[in-house]
């Protein structure tokens, strides 16, 4: 799941990069100021880092929720097994 979400984030970034690069070029105008380009690159790198952190938090939360669901499923299975055993057990109220 982690790989899928990371891959998805990278795909989104890969698709958005050319569009964003065109925006940066248009904003820079005909004279490309290296400092402005560096700032744009740094801003994009920060955004990528922020998105990666968001993906990692979501993956962590997903794994935690998955573990909780597995515990709940096990508890339900145990209770169902106990109920089945109680239904199958002879009633102890009658004495011979």
N, C-alpha and C. Protein backbone atom coordinates (compact mmCIF):
# COMPACT_ATOMS: atom_id res chain seq x y z
N UNK A 1 0.83 -1.19 0.00
CA UNK A 1 0.00 0.00 0.00
C UNK A 1 0.87 1.25 0.00
N UNK A 2 1.98 1.19 0.75
CA UNK A 2 2.87 2.34 0.83
C UNK A 2 3.45 2.65 -0.54
N UNK A 3 3.86 1.61 -1.24
CA UNK A 3 4.43 1.80 -2.57
C UNK A 3 3.42 2.36 -3.54
N UNK A 4 2.19 1.91 -3.42
CA UNK A 4 1.13 2.40 -4.30
C UNK A 4 0.90 3.88 -4.09
N UNK A 5 0.79 4.30 -2.84
CA UNK A 5 0.55 5.71 -2.56
C UNK A 5 1.75 6.56 -2.95
N UNK A 6 2.95 6.07 -2.69
CA UNK A 6 4.14 6.82 -3.09
C UNK A 6 4.22 6.92 -4.60
N UNK A 7 3.92 5.82 -5.27
CA UNK A 7 3.92 5.83 -6.74
C UNK A 7 2.89 6.80 -7.28
N UNK A 8 1.73 6.81 -6.65
CA UNK A 8 0.67 7.73 -7.06
C UNK A 8 1.12 9.18 -6.88
N UNK A 9 1.75 9.47 -5.76
CA UNK A 9 2.23 10.83 -5.52
C UNK A 9 3.26 11.23 -6.57
N UNK A 10 4.17 10.30 -6.89
CA UNK A 10 5.20 10.61 -7.90
C UNK A 10 4.58 10.81 -9.27
N UNK A 11 3.55 10.01 -9.60
CA UNK A 11 2.88 10.18 -10.89
C UNK A 11 2.23 11.55 -10.99
N UNK A 12 1.56 11.96 -9.92
CA UNK A 12 0.93 13.27 -9.91
C UNK A 12 1.98 14.35 -10.10
N UNK A 13 3.09 14.22 -9.40
CA UNK A 13 4.15 15.21 -9.52
C UNK A 13 4.77 15.19 -10.92
N UNK A 14 4.93 14.01 -11.48
CA UNK A 14 5.52 13.91 -12.82
C UNK A 14 4.61 14.55 -13.86
N UNK A 15 3.29 14.36 -13.69
CA UNK A 15 2.35 14.97 -14.63
C UNK A 15 2.25 16.47 -14.43
N UNK A 16 2.39 16.91 -13.20
CA UNK A 16 2.26 18.34 -12.92
C UNK A 16 3.54 19.11 -13.21
N UNK A 17 4.67 18.45 -13.23
CA UNK A 17 5.95 19.14 -13.40
C UNK A 17 6.04 19.91 -14.72
N UNK A 18 5.68 19.31 -15.87
CA UNK A 18 5.78 20.09 -17.10
C UNK A 18 4.87 21.32 -17.11
N UNK A 19 3.68 21.15 -16.57
CA UNK A 19 2.75 22.28 -16.50
C UNK A 19 3.33 23.36 -15.60
N UNK A 20 3.85 22.95 -14.47
CA UNK A 20 4.42 23.90 -13.52
C UNK A 20 5.67 24.56 -14.12
N UNK A 21 6.45 23.77 -14.84
CA UNK A 21 7.65 24.33 -15.46
C UNK A 21 7.26 25.40 -16.48
N UNK A 22 6.20 25.16 -17.21
CA UNK A 22 5.72 26.15 -18.18
C UNK A 22 5.27 27.41 -17.44
N UNK A 23 4.60 27.24 -16.30
CA UNK A 23 4.18 28.40 -15.50
C UNK A 23 5.40 29.19 -15.02
N UNK A 24 6.44 28.49 -14.60
CA UNK A 24 7.64 29.15 -14.10
C UNK A 24 8.31 29.90 -15.24
N UNK A 25 8.35 29.29 -16.41
CA UNK A 25 8.98 29.95 -17.56
C UNK A 25 8.20 31.19 -17.95
N UNK A 26 6.87 31.09 -17.97
CA UNK A 26 6.05 32.25 -18.31
C UNK A 26 6.23 33.35 -17.28
N UNK A 27 6.30 32.96 -16.02
CA UNK A 27 6.47 33.95 -14.95
C UNK A 27 7.85 34.60 -15.03
N UNK A 28 8.84 33.83 -15.44
CA UNK A 28 10.19 34.36 -15.52
C UNK A 28 10.34 35.32 -16.69
N UNK A 29 9.52 35.15 -17.71
CA UNK A 29 9.60 36.03 -18.87
C UNK A 29 10.79 35.67 -19.72
N UNK A 30 11.08 36.52 -20.70
CA UNK A 30 12.17 36.21 -21.62
C UNK A 30 13.53 36.17 -20.94
N UNK A 31 13.77 37.04 -19.98
CA UNK A 31 15.05 37.04 -19.26
C UNK A 31 14.90 36.15 -18.04
N UNK A 32 15.58 35.00 -18.04
CA UNK A 32 15.47 34.04 -16.94
C UNK A 32 16.47 34.40 -15.86
N UNK A 33 15.94 34.80 -14.75
CA UNK A 33 16.77 35.13 -13.60
C UNK A 33 17.10 33.84 -12.86
N UNK A 34 18.36 33.46 -12.77
CA UNK A 34 18.72 32.21 -12.10
C UNK A 34 18.24 32.14 -10.65
N UNK A 35 18.25 33.28 -9.97
CA UNK A 35 17.80 33.26 -8.58
C UNK A 35 16.31 32.94 -8.51
N UNK A 36 15.55 33.50 -9.44
CA UNK A 36 14.11 33.25 -9.45
C UNK A 36 13.83 31.78 -9.78
N UNK A 37 14.58 31.24 -10.73
CA UNK A 37 14.44 29.82 -11.07
C UNK A 37 14.81 28.96 -9.88
N UNK A 38 15.88 29.31 -9.19
CA UNK A 38 16.30 28.55 -8.00
C UNK A 38 15.23 28.59 -6.92
N UNK A 39 14.62 29.76 -6.74
CA UNK A 39 13.55 29.88 -5.74
C UNK A 39 12.34 29.02 -6.14
N UNK A 40 12.03 29.02 -7.43
CA UNK A 40 10.90 28.20 -7.90
C UNK A 40 11.20 26.72 -7.70
N UNK A 41 12.42 26.33 -7.98
CA UNK A 41 12.81 24.92 -7.77
C UNK A 41 12.75 24.57 -6.29
N UNK A 42 13.23 25.45 -5.45
CA UNK A 42 13.20 25.20 -4.00
C UNK A 42 11.77 25.11 -3.51
N UNK A 43 10.90 25.97 -4.05
CA UNK A 43 9.48 25.93 -3.64
C UNK A 43 8.85 24.62 -4.06
N UNK A 44 9.17 24.17 -5.26
CA UNK A 44 8.62 22.89 -5.73
C UNK A 44 9.18 21.72 -4.92
N UNK A 45 10.45 21.78 -4.59
CA UNK A 45 11.05 20.72 -3.78
C UNK A 45 10.39 20.67 -2.40
N UNK A 46 10.12 21.84 -1.84
CA UNK A 46 9.44 21.88 -0.54
C UNK A 46 8.04 21.30 -0.64
N UNK A 47 7.36 21.61 -1.74
CA UNK A 47 6.01 21.07 -1.93
C UNK A 47 6.04 19.55 -2.09
N UNK A 48 7.03 19.05 -2.83
CA UNK A 48 7.19 17.60 -2.98
C UNK A 48 7.42 16.95 -1.62
N UNK A 49 8.30 17.56 -0.83
CA UNK A 49 8.61 17.03 0.50
C UNK A 49 7.35 17.02 1.37
N UNK A 50 6.59 18.09 1.29
CA UNK A 50 5.35 18.19 2.07
C UNK A 50 4.35 17.11 1.63
N UNK A 51 4.24 16.90 0.33
CA UNK A 51 3.33 15.86 -0.17
C UNK A 51 3.79 14.47 0.25
N UNK A 52 5.10 14.24 0.21
CA UNK A 52 5.62 12.94 0.64
C UNK A 52 5.32 12.70 2.12
N UNK A 53 5.48 13.73 2.93
CA UNK A 53 5.16 13.60 4.36
C UNK A 53 3.68 13.30 4.55
N UNK A 54 2.83 13.95 3.77
CA UNK A 54 1.40 13.69 3.85
C UNK A 54 1.07 12.26 3.48
N UNK A 55 1.72 11.76 2.45
CA UNK A 55 1.50 10.37 2.02
C UNK A 55 1.95 9.41 3.12
N UNK A 56 3.10 9.70 3.72
CA UNK A 56 3.61 8.84 4.80
C UNK A 56 2.66 8.83 5.99
N UNK A 57 2.12 10.01 6.34
CA UNK A 57 1.16 10.07 7.46
C UNK A 57 -0.09 9.25 7.14
N UNK A 58 -0.59 9.37 5.92
CA UNK A 58 -1.78 8.62 5.53
C UNK A 58 -1.51 7.12 5.53
N UNK A 59 -0.33 6.73 5.05
CA UNK A 59 0.03 5.31 5.05
C UNK A 59 0.11 4.78 6.47
N UNK A 60 0.70 5.56 7.36
CA UNK A 60 0.81 5.15 8.76
C UNK A 60 -0.58 4.99 9.38
N UNK A 61 -1.44 5.97 9.11
CA UNK A 61 -2.80 5.91 9.65
C UNK A 61 -3.55 4.70 9.07
N UNK A 62 -3.33 4.42 7.80
CA UNK A 62 -3.97 3.28 7.16
C UNK A 62 -3.51 1.98 7.80
N UNK A 63 -2.20 1.86 8.05
CA UNK A 63 -1.68 0.64 8.67
C UNK A 63 -2.22 0.48 10.09
N UNK A 64 -2.31 1.57 10.83
CA UNK A 64 -2.86 1.50 12.18
C UNK A 64 -4.32 1.06 12.15
N UNK A 65 -5.09 1.64 11.25
CA UNK A 65 -6.50 1.27 11.13
C UNK A 65 -6.64 -0.18 10.70
N UNK A 66 -5.76 -0.63 9.81
CA UNK A 66 -5.79 -2.02 9.37
C UNK A 66 -5.52 -2.96 10.53
N UNK A 67 -4.56 -2.61 11.37
CA UNK A 67 -4.24 -3.44 12.53
C UNK A 67 -5.42 -3.49 13.50
N UNK A 68 -6.08 -2.35 13.70
CA UNK A 68 -7.24 -2.32 14.60
C UNK A 68 -8.36 -3.19 14.05
N UNK A 69 -8.60 -3.11 12.74
CA UNK A 69 -9.64 -3.93 12.14
C UNK A 69 -9.33 -5.42 12.27
N UNK A 70 -8.07 -5.78 12.11
CA UNK A 70 -7.68 -7.19 12.26
C UNK A 70 -7.93 -7.65 13.69
N UNK A 71 -7.63 -6.80 14.68
CA UNK A 71 -7.87 -7.15 16.08
C UNK A 71 -9.38 -7.31 16.32
N UNK A 72 -10.17 -6.40 15.76
CA UNK A 72 -11.61 -6.49 15.94
C UNK A 72 -12.16 -7.73 15.25
N UNK A 73 -11.66 -8.05 14.06
CA UNK A 73 -12.09 -9.26 13.38
C UNK A 73 -11.77 -10.50 14.20
N UNK A 74 -10.59 -10.51 14.81
CA UNK A 74 -10.21 -11.65 15.65
C UNK A 74 -11.11 -11.75 16.87
N UNK A 75 -11.42 -10.61 17.49
CA UNK A 75 -12.30 -10.61 18.67
C UNK A 75 -13.69 -11.11 18.29
N UNK A 76 -14.19 -10.70 17.14
CA UNK A 76 -15.50 -11.16 16.67
C UNK A 76 -15.47 -12.66 16.43
N UNK A 77 -14.40 -13.15 15.78
CA UNK A 77 -14.29 -14.58 15.52
C UNK A 77 -14.24 -15.37 16.83
N UNK A 78 -13.52 -14.86 17.81
CA UNK A 78 -13.45 -15.53 19.12
C UNK A 78 -14.82 -15.57 19.78
N UNK A 79 -15.54 -14.45 19.74
CA UNK A 79 -16.87 -14.41 20.35
C UNK A 79 -17.84 -15.33 19.63
N UNK A 80 -17.75 -15.39 18.31
CA UNK A 80 -18.62 -16.29 17.55
C UNK A 80 -18.32 -17.75 17.91
N UNK A 81 -17.04 -18.05 18.08
CA UNK A 81 -16.66 -19.41 18.46
C UNK A 81 -17.18 -19.74 19.86
N UNK A 82 -17.11 -18.80 20.80
CA UNK A 82 -17.63 -19.02 22.15
C UNK A 82 -19.14 -19.21 22.11
N UNK A 83 -19.81 -18.40 21.30
CA UNK A 83 -21.27 -18.51 21.19
C UNK A 83 -21.66 -19.87 20.61
N UNK A 84 -20.94 -20.30 19.59
CA UNK A 84 -21.20 -21.59 18.97
C UNK A 84 -21.00 -22.72 19.98
N UNK A 85 -19.94 -22.60 20.80
CA UNK A 85 -19.66 -23.62 21.82
C UNK A 85 -20.76 -23.62 22.88
N UNK A 86 -21.25 -22.45 23.25
CA UNK A 86 -22.32 -22.39 24.25
C UNK A 86 -23.62 -22.95 23.72
N UNK A 87 -23.92 -22.71 22.46
CA UNK A 87 -25.14 -23.24 21.88
C UNK A 87 -25.09 -24.76 21.75
N UNK A 88 -23.88 -25.29 21.50
CA UNK A 88 -23.71 -26.74 21.32
C UNK A 88 -23.60 -27.49 22.65
N UNK A 89 -23.32 -26.79 23.74
CA UNK A 89 -23.15 -27.44 25.05
C UNK A 89 -24.51 -27.83 25.61
N UNK A 90 -24.57 -29.00 26.29
CA UNK A 90 -25.84 -29.39 26.91
C UNK A 90 -26.21 -28.43 28.04
N UNK A 91 -27.49 -28.23 28.23
CA UNK A 91 -27.96 -27.34 29.29
C UNK A 91 -27.71 -28.01 30.64
N UNK A 92 -27.16 -27.28 31.58
CA UNK A 92 -26.79 -27.83 32.87
C UNK A 92 -27.90 -27.73 33.90
N UNK A 93 -29.07 -27.26 33.53
CA UNK A 93 -30.15 -27.05 34.50
C UNK A 93 -30.89 -28.32 34.89
N UNK A 94 -30.90 -29.35 34.04
CA UNK A 94 -31.66 -30.59 34.32
C UNK A 94 -30.78 -31.59 35.05
N UNK A 95 -31.33 -32.16 36.16
CA UNK A 95 -30.59 -33.19 36.91
C UNK A 95 -31.29 -34.51 36.72
N UNK A 96 -30.56 -35.63 36.53
CA UNK A 96 -31.20 -36.96 36.39
C UNK A 96 -31.69 -37.54 37.67
